[in-house]
PDB file of N, CA and C in Angstrom:
ATOM      1  N   UNK A   1       0.836  -1.183   0.000  1.00  0.00           N
ATOM      2  CA  UNK A   1       0.000   0.000   0.000  1.00  0.00           C
ATOM      3  C   UNK A   1       0.885   1.252   0.000  1.00  0.00           C
ATOM      4  N   UNK A   2       0.465   2.250  -0.717  1.00  0.00           N
ATOM      5  CA  UNK A   2       1.266   3.466  -0.834  1.00  0.00           C
ATOM      6  C   UNK A   2       1.013   4.375   0.366  1.00  0.00           C
ATOM      7  N   UNK A   3       1.969   5.243   0.590  1.00  0.00           N
ATOM      8  CA  UNK A   3       1.869   6.187   1.696  1.00  0.00           C
ATOM      9  C   UNK A   3       0.798   7.238   1.386  1.00  0.00           C
ATOM     10  N   UNK A   4       0.068   7.639   2.410  1.00  0.00           N
ATOM     11  CA  UNK A   4      -0.972   8.655   2.256  1.00  0.00           C
ATOM     12  C   UNK A   4      -0.302  10.009   2.017  1.00  0.00           C
ATOM     13  N   UNK A   5      -0.735  10.718   0.976  1.00  0.00           N
ATOM     14  CA  UNK A   5      -0.177  12.051   0.729  1.00  0.00           C
ATOM     15  C   UNK A   5      -0.410  12.966   1.941  1.00  0.00           C
ATOM     16  N   UNK A   6       0.551  13.804   2.282  1.00  0.00           N
ATOM     17  CA  UNK A   6       0.448  14.668   3.471  1.00  0.00           C
ATOM     18  C   UNK A   6      -0.826  15.518   3.499  1.00  0.00           C
ATOM     19  N   UNK A   7      -1.211  16.063   2.362  1.00  0.00           N
ATOM     20  CA  UNK A   7      -2.410  16.908   2.330  1.00  0.00           C
ATOM     21  C   UNK A   7      -3.662  16.111   2.700  1.00  0.00           C
ATOM     22  N   UNK A   8      -3.748  14.871   2.208  1.00  0.00           N
ATOM     23  CA  UNK A   8      -4.880  14.002   2.539  1.00  0.00           C
ATOM     24  C   UNK A   8      -4.841  13.616   4.014  1.00  0.00           C
ATOM     25  N   UNK A   9      -3.667  13.292   4.530  1.00  0.00           N
ATOM     26  CA  UNK A   9      -3.521  12.943   5.939  1.00  0.00           C
ATOM     27  C   UNK A   9      -3.938  14.106   6.833  1.00  0.00           C
ATOM     28  N   UNK A  10      -3.547  15.317   6.447  1.00  0.00           N
ATOM     29  CA  UNK A  10      -3.903  16.505   7.221  1.00  0.00           C
ATOM     30  C   UNK A  10      -5.419  16.735   7.197  1.00  0.00           C
ATOM     31  N   UNK A  11      -6.034  16.584   6.039  1.00  0.00           N
ATOM     32  CA  UNK A  11      -7.482  16.755   5.936  1.00  0.00           C
ATOM     33  C   UNK A  11      -8.203  15.706   6.789  1.00  0.00           C
ATOM     34  N   UNK A  12      -7.719  14.480   6.749  1.00  0.00           N
ATOM     35  CA  UNK A  12      -8.333  13.416   7.555  1.00  0.00           C
ATOM     36  C   UNK A  12      -8.181  13.699   9.049  1.00  0.00           C
ATOM     37  N   UNK A  13      -7.026  14.221   9.442  1.00  0.00           N
ATOM     38  CA  UNK A  13      -6.822  14.563  10.855  1.00  0.00           C
ATOM     39  C   UNK A  13      -7.791  15.660  11.282  1.00  0.00           C
ATOM     40  N   UNK A  14      -8.019  16.619  10.413  1.00  0.00           N
ATOM     41  CA  UNK A  14      -8.997  17.673  10.711  1.00  0.00           C
ATOM     42  C   UNK A  14     -10.395  17.092  10.881  1.00  0.00           C
ATOM     43  N   UNK A  15     -10.747  16.164  10.017  1.00  0.00           N
ATOM     44  CA  UNK A  15     -12.052  15.497  10.130  1.00  0.00           C
ATOM     45  C   UNK A  15     -12.141  14.738  11.450  1.00  0.00           C
ATOM     46  N   UNK A  16     -11.093  14.019  11.798  1.00  0.00           N
ATOM     47  CA  UNK A  16     -11.076  13.275  13.066  1.00  0.00           C
ATOM     48  C   UNK A  16     -11.253  14.218  14.257  1.00  0.00           C
ATOM     49  N   UNK A  17     -10.589  15.367  14.217  1.00  0.00           N
ATOM     50  CA  UNK A  17     -10.722  16.347  15.303  1.00  0.00           C
ATOM     51  C   UNK A  17     -12.147  16.877  15.395  1.00  0.00           C
ATOM     52  N   UNK A  18     -12.732  17.178  14.252  1.00  0.00           N
ATOM     53  CA  UNK A  18     -14.114  17.669  14.241  1.00  0.00           C
ATOM     54  C   UNK A  18     -15.086  16.595  14.731  1.00  0.00           C
ATOM     55  N   UNK A  19     -14.866  15.346  14.328  1.00  0.00           N
ATOM     56  CA  UNK A  19     -15.720  14.254  14.809  1.00  0.00           C
ATOM     57  C   UNK A  19     -15.637  14.127  16.324  1.00  0.00           C
ATOM     58  N   UNK A  20     -14.440  14.264  16.872  1.00  0.00           N
ATOM     59  CA  UNK A  20     -14.276  14.215  18.327  1.00  0.00           C
ATOM     60  C   UNK A  20     -15.037  15.353  18.994  1.00  0.00           C
ATOM     61  N   UNK A  21     -14.916  16.534  18.432  1.00  0.00           N
ATOM     62  CA  UNK A  21     -15.632  17.690  18.990  1.00  0.00           C
ATOM     63  C   UNK A  21     -17.138  17.472  18.929  1.00  0.00           C
ATOM     64  N   UNK A  22     -17.635  16.924  17.816  1.00  0.00           N
ATOM     65  CA  UNK A  22     -19.067  16.657  17.692  1.00  0.00           C
ATOM     66  C   UNK A  22     -19.553  15.685  18.770  1.00  0.00           C
ATOM     67  N   UNK A  23     -18.790  14.636  19.010  1.00  0.00           N
ATOM     68  CA  UNK A  23     -19.174  13.662  20.038  1.00  0.00           C
ATOM     69  C   UNK A  23     -19.228  14.330  21.406  1.00  0.00           C
ATOM     70  N   UNK A  24     -18.226  15.142  21.716  1.00  0.00           N
ATOM     71  CA  UNK A  24     -18.220  15.830  23.008  1.00  0.00           C
ATOM     72  C   UNK A  24     -19.382  16.821  23.126  1.00  0.00           C
ATOM     73  N   UNK A  25     -19.663  17.535  22.052  1.00  0.00           N
ATOM     74  CA  UNK A  25     -20.792  18.470  22.063  1.00  0.00           C
ATOM     75  C   UNK A  25     -22.116  17.744  22.228  1.00  0.00           C
ATOM     76  N   UNK A  26     -22.273  16.622  21.532  1.00  0.00           N
ATOM     77  CA  UNK A  26     -23.507  15.845  21.682  1.00  0.00           C
ATOM     78  C   UNK A  26     -23.652  15.311  23.102  1.00  0.00           C
ATOM     79  N   UNK A  27     -22.547  14.868  23.698  1.00  0.00           N
ATOM     80  CA  UNK A  27     -22.602  14.385  25.083  1.00  0.00           C
ATOM     81  C   UNK A  27     -23.057  15.506  26.015  1.00  0.00           C
ATOM     82  N   UNK A  28     -22.525  16.699  25.835  1.00  0.00           N
ATOM     83  CA  UNK A  28     -22.946  17.840  26.652  1.00  0.00           C
ATOM     84  C   UNK A  28     -24.409  18.182  26.416  1.00  0.00           C
ATOM     85  N   UNK A  29     -24.825  18.134  25.163  1.00  0.00           N
ATOM     86  CA  UNK A  29     -26.216  18.435  24.841  1.00  0.00           C
ATOM     87  C   UNK A  29     -27.152  17.445  25.533  1.00  0.00           C
ATOM     88  N   UNK A  30     -26.799  16.169  25.524  1.00  0.00           N
ATOM     89  CA  UNK A  30     -27.656  15.167  26.144  1.00  0.00           C
ATOM     90  C   UNK A  30     -27.645  15.277  27.668  1.00  0.00           C
ATOM     91  N   UNK A  31     -26.557  15.762  28.270  1.00  0.00           N
ATOM     92  CA  UNK A  31     -26.567  16.018  29.715  1.00  0.00           C
ATOM     93  C   UNK A  31     -27.591  17.094  30.041  1.00  0.00           C
ATOM     94  N   UNK A  32     -27.641  18.118  29.210  1.00  0.00           N
ATOM     95  CA  UNK A  32     -28.599  19.209  29.441  1.00  0.00           C
ATOM     96  C   UNK A  32     -30.021  18.738  29.177  1.00  0.00           C
ATOM     97  N   UNK A  33     -30.210  17.960  28.114  1.00  0.00           N
ATOM     98  CA  UNK A  33     -31.572  17.492  27.829  1.00  0.00           C
ATOM     99  C   UNK A  33     -32.046  16.505  28.889  1.00  0.00           C
ATOM    100  N   UNK A  34     -31.121  15.809  29.543  1.00  0.00           N
ATOM    101  CA  UNK A  34     -31.507  14.945  30.665  1.00  0.00           C
ATOM    102  C   UNK A  34     -32.130  15.806  31.760  1.00  0.00           C
ATOM    103  N   UNK A  35     -31.499  16.941  32.040  1.00  0.00           N
ATOM    104  CA  UNK A  35     -32.029  17.860  33.059  1.00  0.00           C
ATOM    105  C   UNK A  35     -33.381  18.416  32.625  1.00  0.00           C
ATOM    106  N   UNK A  36     -33.513  18.743  31.351  1.00  0.00           N
ATOM    107  CA  UNK A  36     -34.802  19.226  30.828  1.00  0.00           C
ATOM    108  C   UNK A  36     -35.872  18.156  31.032  1.00  0.00           C
ATOM    109  N   UNK A  37     -35.534  16.907  30.766  1.00  0.00           N
ATOM    110  CA  UNK A  37     -36.479  15.812  30.973  1.00  0.00           C
ATOM    111  C   UNK A  37     -36.901  15.696  32.426  1.00  0.00           C
ATOM    112  N   UNK A  38     -35.953  15.885  33.337  1.00  0.00           N
ATOM    113  CA  UNK A  38     -36.277  15.848  34.761  1.00  0.00           C
ATOM    114  C   UNK A  38     -37.235  16.975  35.128  1.00  0.00           C
ATOM    115  N   UNK A  39     -36.930  18.169  34.621  1.00  0.00           N
ATOM    116  CA  UNK A  39     -37.782  19.324  34.912  1.00  0.00           C
ATOM    117  C   UNK A  39     -39.191  19.124  34.346  1.00  0.00           C
ATOM    118  N   UNK A  40     -39.272  18.629  33.118  1.00  0.00           N
ATOM    119  CA  UNK A  40     -40.583  18.391  32.512  1.00  0.00           C
ATOM    120  C   UNK A  40     -41.373  17.376  33.324  1.00  0.00           C
ATOM    121  N   UNK A  41     -40.703  16.308  33.761  1.00  0.00           N
ATOM    122  CA  UNK A  41     -41.391  15.293  34.558  1.00  0.00           C
ATOM    123  C   UNK A  41     -41.865  15.892  35.879  1.00  0.00           C
ATOM    124  N   UNK A  42     -41.017  16.673  36.546  1.00  0.00           N
ATOM    125  CA  UNK A  42     -41.387  17.309  37.806  1.00  0.00           C
ATOM    126  C   UNK A  42     -42.577  18.247  37.641  1.00  0.00           C
ATOM    127  N   UNK A  43     -42.624  18.924  36.514  1.00  0.00           N
ATOM    128  CA  UNK A  43     -43.684  19.906  36.256  1.00  0.00           C
ATOM    129  C   UNK A  43     -44.911  19.294  35.581  1.00  0.00           C
ATOM    130  N   UNK A  44     -44.844  18.003  35.255  1.00  0.00           N
ATOM    131  CA  UNK A  44     -45.970  17.343  34.599  1.00  0.00           C
ATOM    132  C   UNK A  44     -46.150  17.764  33.150  1.00  0.00           C
ATOM    133  N   UNK A  45     -45.067  18.178  32.513  1.00  0.00           N
ATOM    134  CA  UNK A  45     -45.141  18.616  31.117  1.00  0.00           C
ATOM    135  C   UNK A  45     -44.904  17.432  30.190  1.00  0.00           C
ATOM    136  N   UNK A  46     -45.433  17.486  28.972  1.00  0.00           N
ATOM    137  CA  UNK A  46     -45.209  16.389  28.024  1.00  0.00           C
ATOM    138  C   UNK A  46     -43.740  16.323  27.595  1.00  0.00           C
ATOM    139  N   UNK A  47     -43.330  15.138  27.182  1.00  0.00           N
ATOM    140  CA  UNK A  47     -41.942  14.936  26.758  1.00  0.00           C
ATOM    141  C   UNK A  47     -41.615  15.750  25.511  1.00  0.00           C
ATOM    142  N   UNK A  48     -42.572  15.883  24.610  1.00  0.00           N
ATOM    143  CA  UNK A  48     -42.352  16.608  23.355  1.00  0.00           C
ATOM    144  C   UNK A  48     -42.995  17.992  23.434  1.00  0.00           C
ATOM    145  N   UNK A  49     -42.340  18.954  22.817  1.00  0.00           N
ATOM    146  CA  UNK A  49     -42.856  20.317  22.703  1.00  0.00           C
ATOM    147  C   UNK A  49     -42.802  20.676  21.221  1.00  0.00           C
ATOM    148  N   UNK A  50     -43.893  20.386  20.512  1.00  0.00           N
ATOM    149  CA  UNK A  50     -43.904  20.535  19.055  1.00  0.00           C
ATOM    150  C   UNK A  50     -43.669  21.968  18.598  1.00  0.00           C
ATOM    151  N   UNK A  51     -44.153  22.937  19.363  1.00  0.00           N
ATOM    152  CA  UNK A  51     -43.938  24.339  18.988  1.00  0.00           C
ATOM    153  C   UNK A  51     -42.447  24.690  19.058  1.00  0.00           C
ATOM    154  N   UNK A  52     -41.806  24.291  20.135  1.00  0.00           N
ATOM    155  CA  UNK A  52     -40.363  24.558  20.262  1.00  0.00           C
ATOM    156  C   UNK A  52     -39.577  23.810  19.190  1.00  0.00           C
ATOM    157  N   UNK A  53     -39.951  22.578  18.917  1.00  0.00           N
ATOM    158  CA  UNK A  53     -39.255  21.811  17.893  1.00  0.00           C
ATOM    159  C   UNK A  53     -39.344  22.516  16.539  1.00  0.00           C
ATOM    160  N   UNK A  54     -40.514  23.017  16.208  1.00  0.00           N
ATOM    161  CA  UNK A  54     -40.683  23.745  14.938  1.00  0.00           C
ATOM    162  C   UNK A  54     -39.806  24.989  14.893  1.00  0.00           C
ATOM    163  N   UNK A  55     -39.777  25.710  16.007  1.00  0.00           N
ATOM    164  CA  UNK A  55     -38.938  26.909  16.075  1.00  0.00           C
ATOM    165  C   UNK A  55     -37.462  26.551  15.921  1.00  0.00           C
ATOM    166  N   UNK A  56     -37.051  25.466  16.564  1.00  0.00           N
ATOM    167  CA  UNK A  56     -35.656  25.047  16.487  1.00  0.00           C
ATOM    168  C   UNK A  56     -35.285  24.593  15.078  1.00  0.00           C
ATOM    169  N   UNK A  57     -36.175  23.891  14.424  1.00  0.00           N
ATOM    170  CA  UNK A  57     -35.910  23.454  13.050  1.00  0.00           C
ATOM    171  C   UNK A  57     -35.751  24.666  12.138  1.00  0.00           C
ATOM    172  N   UNK A  58     -36.648  25.624  12.274  1.00  0.00           N
ATOM    173  CA  UNK A  58     -36.552  26.834  11.450  1.00  0.00           C
ATOM    174  C   UNK A  58     -35.238  27.572  11.723  1.00  0.00           C
ATOM    175  N   UNK A  59     -34.859  27.687  13.000  1.00  0.00           N
ATOM    176  CA  UNK A  59     -33.618  28.362  13.375  1.00  0.00           C
ATOM    177  C   UNK A  59     -32.408  27.622  12.809  1.00  0.00           C
ATOM    178  N   UNK A  60     -32.414  26.295  12.930  1.00  0.00           N
ATOM    179  CA  UNK A  60     -31.288  25.515  12.437  1.00  0.00           C
ATOM    180  C   UNK A  60     -31.191  25.576  10.914  1.00  0.00           C
ATOM    181  N   UNK A  61     -32.323  25.594  10.238  1.00  0.00           N
ATOM    182  CA  UNK A  61     -32.307  25.713   8.773  1.00  0.00           C
ATOM    183  C   UNK A  61     -31.682  27.053   8.359  1.00  0.00           C
ATOM    184  N   UNK A  62     -32.032  28.131   9.075  1.00  0.00           N
ATOM    185  CA  UNK A  62     -31.439  29.444   8.778  1.00  0.00           C
ATOM    186  C   UNK A  62     -29.925  29.413   9.000  1.00  0.00           C
ATOM    187  N   UNK A  63     -29.512  28.826  10.118  1.00  0.00           N
ATOM    188  CA  UNK A  63     -28.080  28.718  10.399  1.00  0.00           C
ATOM    189  C   UNK A  63     -27.368  27.894   9.329  1.00  0.00           C
ATOM    190  N   UNK A  64     -28.007  26.841   8.878  1.00  0.00           N
ATOM    191  CA  UNK A  64     -27.412  25.995   7.845  1.00  0.00           C
ATOM    192  C   UNK A  64     -27.200  26.794   6.563  1.00  0.00           C
ATOM    193  N   UNK A  65     -28.201  27.536   6.162  1.00  0.00           N
ATOM    194  CA  UNK A  65     -28.080  28.346   4.947  1.00  0.00           C
ATOM    195  C   UNK A  65     -26.938  29.350   5.103  1.00  0.00           C
ATOM    196  N   UNK A  66     -26.871  30.024   6.259  1.00  0.00           N
ATOM    197  CA  UNK A  66     -25.806  30.989   6.526  1.00  0.00           C
ATOM    198  C   UNK A  66     -24.428  30.337   6.487  1.00  0.00           C
ATOM    199  N   UNK A  67     -24.373  29.065   6.845  1.00  0.00           N
ATOM    200  CA  UNK A  67     -23.102  28.346   6.931  1.00  0.00           C
ATOM    201  C   UNK A  67     -22.782  27.527   5.694  1.00  0.00           C
ATOM    202  N   UNK A  68     -23.612  27.672   4.665  1.00  0.00           N
ATOM    203  CA  UNK A  68     -23.425  26.928   3.421  1.00  0.00           C
ATOM    204  C   UNK A  68     -23.515  25.418   3.638  1.00  0.00           C
ATOM    205  N   UNK A  69     -24.489  25.026   4.472  1.00  0.00           N
ATOM    206  CA  UNK A  69     -24.783  23.618   4.735  1.00  0.00           C
ATOM    207  C   UNK A  69     -26.190  23.352   4.226  1.00  0.00           C
ATOM    208  N   UNK A  70     -26.411  22.194   3.669  1.00  0.00           N
ATOM    209  CA  UNK A  70     -27.722  21.823   3.161  1.00  0.00           C
ATOM    210  C   UNK A  70     -28.748  21.883   4.289  1.00  0.00           C
ATOM    211  N   UNK A  71     -29.747  22.759   4.209  1.00  0.00           N
ATOM    212  CA  UNK A  71     -30.733  22.871   5.286  1.00  0.00           C
ATOM    213  C   UNK A  71     -31.559  21.594   5.484  1.00  0.00           C
ATOM    214  N   UNK A  72     -31.736  20.814   4.428  1.00  0.00           N
ATOM    215  CA  UNK A  72     -32.451  19.539   4.573  1.00  0.00           C
ATOM    216  C   UNK A  72     -31.655  18.596   5.472  1.00  0.00           C
ATOM    217  N   UNK A  73     -30.343  18.550   5.258  1.00  0.00           N
ATOM    218  CA  UNK A  73     -29.489  17.719   6.109  1.00  0.00           C
ATOM    219  C   UNK A  73     -29.552  18.208   7.552  1.00  0.00           C
ATOM    220  N   UNK A  74     -29.447  19.513   7.752  1.00  0.00           N
ATOM    221  CA  UNK A  74     -29.495  20.081   9.100  1.00  0.00           C
ATOM    222  C   UNK A  74     -30.804  19.722   9.789  1.00  0.00           C
ATOM    223  N   UNK A  75     -31.907  19.799   9.047  1.00  0.00           N
ATOM    224  CA  UNK A  75     -33.204  19.459   9.623  1.00  0.00           C
ATOM    225  C   UNK A  75     -33.268  17.976   9.995  1.00  0.00           C
ATOM    226  N   UNK A  76     -32.787  17.118   9.116  1.00  0.00           N
ATOM    227  CA  UNK A  76     -32.777  15.678   9.408  1.00  0.00           C
ATOM    228  C   UNK A  76     -31.930  15.386  10.646  1.00  0.00           C
ATOM    229  N   UNK A  77     -30.806  16.043  10.749  1.00  0.00           N
ATOM    230  CA  UNK A  77     -29.909  15.846  11.890  1.00  0.00           C
ATOM    231  C   UNK A  77     -30.595  16.259  13.182  1.00  0.00           C
ATOM    232  N   UNK A  78     -31.185  17.454  13.212  1.00  0.00           N
ATOM    233  CA  UNK A  78     -31.866  17.925  14.416  1.00  0.00           C
ATOM    234  C   UNK A  78     -33.066  17.047  14.733  1.00  0.00           C
ATOM    235  N   UNK A  79     -33.826  16.656  13.728  1.00  0.00           N
ATOM    236  CA  UNK A  79     -34.991  15.804  13.953  1.00  0.00           C
ATOM    237  C   UNK A  79     -34.580  14.487  14.594  1.00  0.00           C
ATOM    238  N   UNK A  80     -33.479  13.911  14.120  1.00  0.00           N
ATOM    239  CA  UNK A  80     -32.977  12.675  14.707  1.00  0.00           C
ATOM    240  C   UNK A  80     -32.641  12.885  16.189  1.00  0.00           C
ATOM    241  N   UNK A  81     -31.938  13.956  16.500  1.00  0.00           N
ATOM    242  CA  UNK A  81     -31.540  14.232  17.878  1.00  0.00           C
ATOM    243  C   UNK A  81     -32.773  14.455  18.755  1.00  0.00           C
ATOM    244  N   UNK A  82     -33.715  15.251  18.273  1.00  0.00           N
ATOM    245  CA  UNK A  82     -34.917  15.544  19.055  1.00  0.00           C
ATOM    246  C   UNK A  82     -35.717  14.273  19.317  1.00  0.00           C
ATOM    247  N   UNK A  83     -35.848  13.419  18.318  1.00  0.00           N
ATOM    248  CA  UNK A  83     -36.568  12.156  18.523  1.00  0.00           C
ATOM    249  C   UNK A  83     -35.908  11.318  19.609  1.00  0.00           C
ATOM    250  N   UNK A  84     -34.593  11.285  19.605  1.00  0.00           N
ATOM    251  CA  UNK A  84     -33.864  10.522  20.614  1.00  0.00           C
ATOM    252  C   UNK A  84     -34.068  11.132  21.999  1.00  0.00           C
ATOM    253  N   UNK A  85     -34.029  12.441  22.093  1.00  0.00           N
ATOM    254  CA  UNK A  85     -34.252  13.124  23.366  1.00  0.00           C
ATOM    255  C   UNK A  85     -35.666  12.832  23.883  1.00  0.00           C
ATOM    256  N   UNK A  86     -36.659  12.962  23.025  1.00  0.00           N
ATOM    257  CA  UNK A  86     -38.045  12.703  23.438  1.00  0.00           C
ATOM    258  C   UNK A  86     -38.196  11.253  23.885  1.00  0.00           C
ATOM    259  N   UNK A  87     -37.558  10.338  23.169  1.00  0.00           N
ATOM    260  CA  UNK A  87     -37.611   8.929  23.555  1.00  0.00           C
ATOM    261  C   UNK A  87     -37.043   8.745  24.957  1.00  0.00           C
ATOM    262  N   UNK A  88     -35.928   9.409  25.233  1.00  0.00           N
ATOM    263  CA  UNK A  88     -35.338   9.328  26.575  1.00  0.00           C
ATOM    264  C   UNK A  88     -36.284   9.909  27.613  1.00  0.00           C
ATOM    265  N   UNK A  89     -36.872  11.060  27.319  1.00  0.00           N
ATOM    266  CA  UNK A  89     -37.790  11.687  28.271  1.00  0.00           C
ATOM    267  C   UNK A  89     -38.968  10.766  28.568  1.00  0.00           C
ATOM    268  N   UNK A  90     -39.518  10.161  27.534  1.00  0.00           N
ATOM    269  CA  UNK A  90     -40.646   9.254  27.736  1.00  0.00           C
ATOM    270  C   UNK A  90     -40.222   8.038  28.548  1.00  0.00           C
ATOM    271  N   UNK A  91     -39.054   7.512  28.250  1.00  0.00           N
ATOM    272  CA  UNK A  91     -38.550   6.346  28.987  1.00  0.00           C
ATOM    273  C   UNK A  91     -38.342   6.690  30.456  1.00  0.00           C
ATOM    274  N   UNK A  92     -37.725   7.836  30.725  1.00  0.00           N
ATOM    275  CA  UNK A  92     -37.492   8.234  32.111  1.00  0.00           C
ATOM    276  C   UNK A  92     -38.800   8.394  32.858  1.00  0.00           C
ATOM    277  N   UNK A  93     -39.768   8.970  32.187  1.00  0.00           N
ATOM    278  CA  UNK A  93     -41.063   9.180  32.825  1.00  0.00           C
ATOM    279  C   UNK A  93     -41.724   7.846  33.144  1.00  0.00           C
ATOM    280  N   UNK A  94     -41.628   6.912  32.217  1.00  0.00           N
ATOM    281  CA  UNK A  94     -42.274   5.609  32.398  1.00  0.00           C
ATOM    282  C   UNK A  94     -41.641   4.789  33.503  1.00  0.00           C
ATOM    283  N   UNK A  95     -40.338   4.788  33.589  1.00  0.00           N
ATOM    284  CA  UNK A  95     -39.696   3.894  34.562  1.00  0.00           C
ATOM    285  C   UNK A  95     -39.061   4.637  35.732  1.00  0.00           C
ATOM    286  N   UNK A  96     -39.392   5.932  35.882  1.00  0.00           N
ATOM    287  CA  UNK A  96     -38.881   6.749  36.968  1.00  0.00           C
ATOM    288  C   UNK A  96     -37.352   6.829  36.978  1.00  0.00           C
ATOM    289  N   UNK A  97     -36.740   6.523  35.832  1.00  0.00           N
ATOM    290  CA  UNK A  97     -35.283   6.604  35.731  1.00  0.00           C
ATOM    291  C   UNK A  97     -34.791   8.020  36.022  1.00  0.00           C
ATOM    292  N   UNK A  98     -35.589   9.016  35.653  1.00  0.00           N
ATOM    293  CA  UNK A  98     -35.173  10.396  35.855  1.00  0.00           C
ATOM    294  C   UNK A  98     -34.957  10.686  37.331  1.00  0.00           C
ATOM    295  N   UNK A  99     -35.659   9.999  38.207  1.00  0.00           N
ATOM    296  CA  UNK A  99     -35.459  10.226  39.643  1.00  0.00           C
ATOM    297  C   UNK A  99     -34.097   9.684  40.080  1.00  0.00           C
ATOM    298  N   UNK A 100     -33.683   8.556  39.501  1.00  0.00           N
ATOM    299  CA  UNK A 100     -32.398   7.978  39.837  1.00  0.00           C
ATOM    300  C   UNK A 100     -31.257   8.884  39.361  1.00  0.00           C
ATOM    301  N   UNK A 101     -31.414   9.432  38.174  1.00  0.00           N
ATOM    302  CA  UNK A 101     -30.382  10.291  37.610  1.00  0.00           C
ATOM    303  C   UNK A 101     -30.253  11.569  38.430  1.00  0.00           C
ATOM    304  N   UNK A 102     -31.379  12.085  38.918  1.00  0.00           N
ATOM    305  CA  UNK A 102     -31.377  13.331  39.673  1.00  0.00           C
ATOM    306  C   UNK A 102     -30.720  13.154  41.044  1.00  0.00           C
ATOM    307  N   UNK A 103     -30.718  11.907  41.543  1.00  0.00           N
ATOM    308  CA  UNK A 103     -30.239  11.572  42.869  1.00  0.00           C
ATOM    309  C   UNK A 103     -29.036  12.268  43.299  1.00  0.00           C
TER     310      UNK A 103
END
């Protein structure tokens, strides 16, 4: 196998760094959404907030356009994350897991 050209290796390293940052950012985001789920459960609020989700999708689409990113991709990405968060909130509510996490 031939050696990877330096420019390609550098680009790949940049991608690896960005992927690491994304994972860390997602972990932080889910820590915060865990707290949101606890608060919603304490307040008797539903796991999903469709109005906020719509606002967030619109905001993210605008940011995507400003950043030269496909807004459809940005929307799919946020929708995936929100669905996962809502699933967690519903699960915590059902099995009282949120009380254990708050401990």
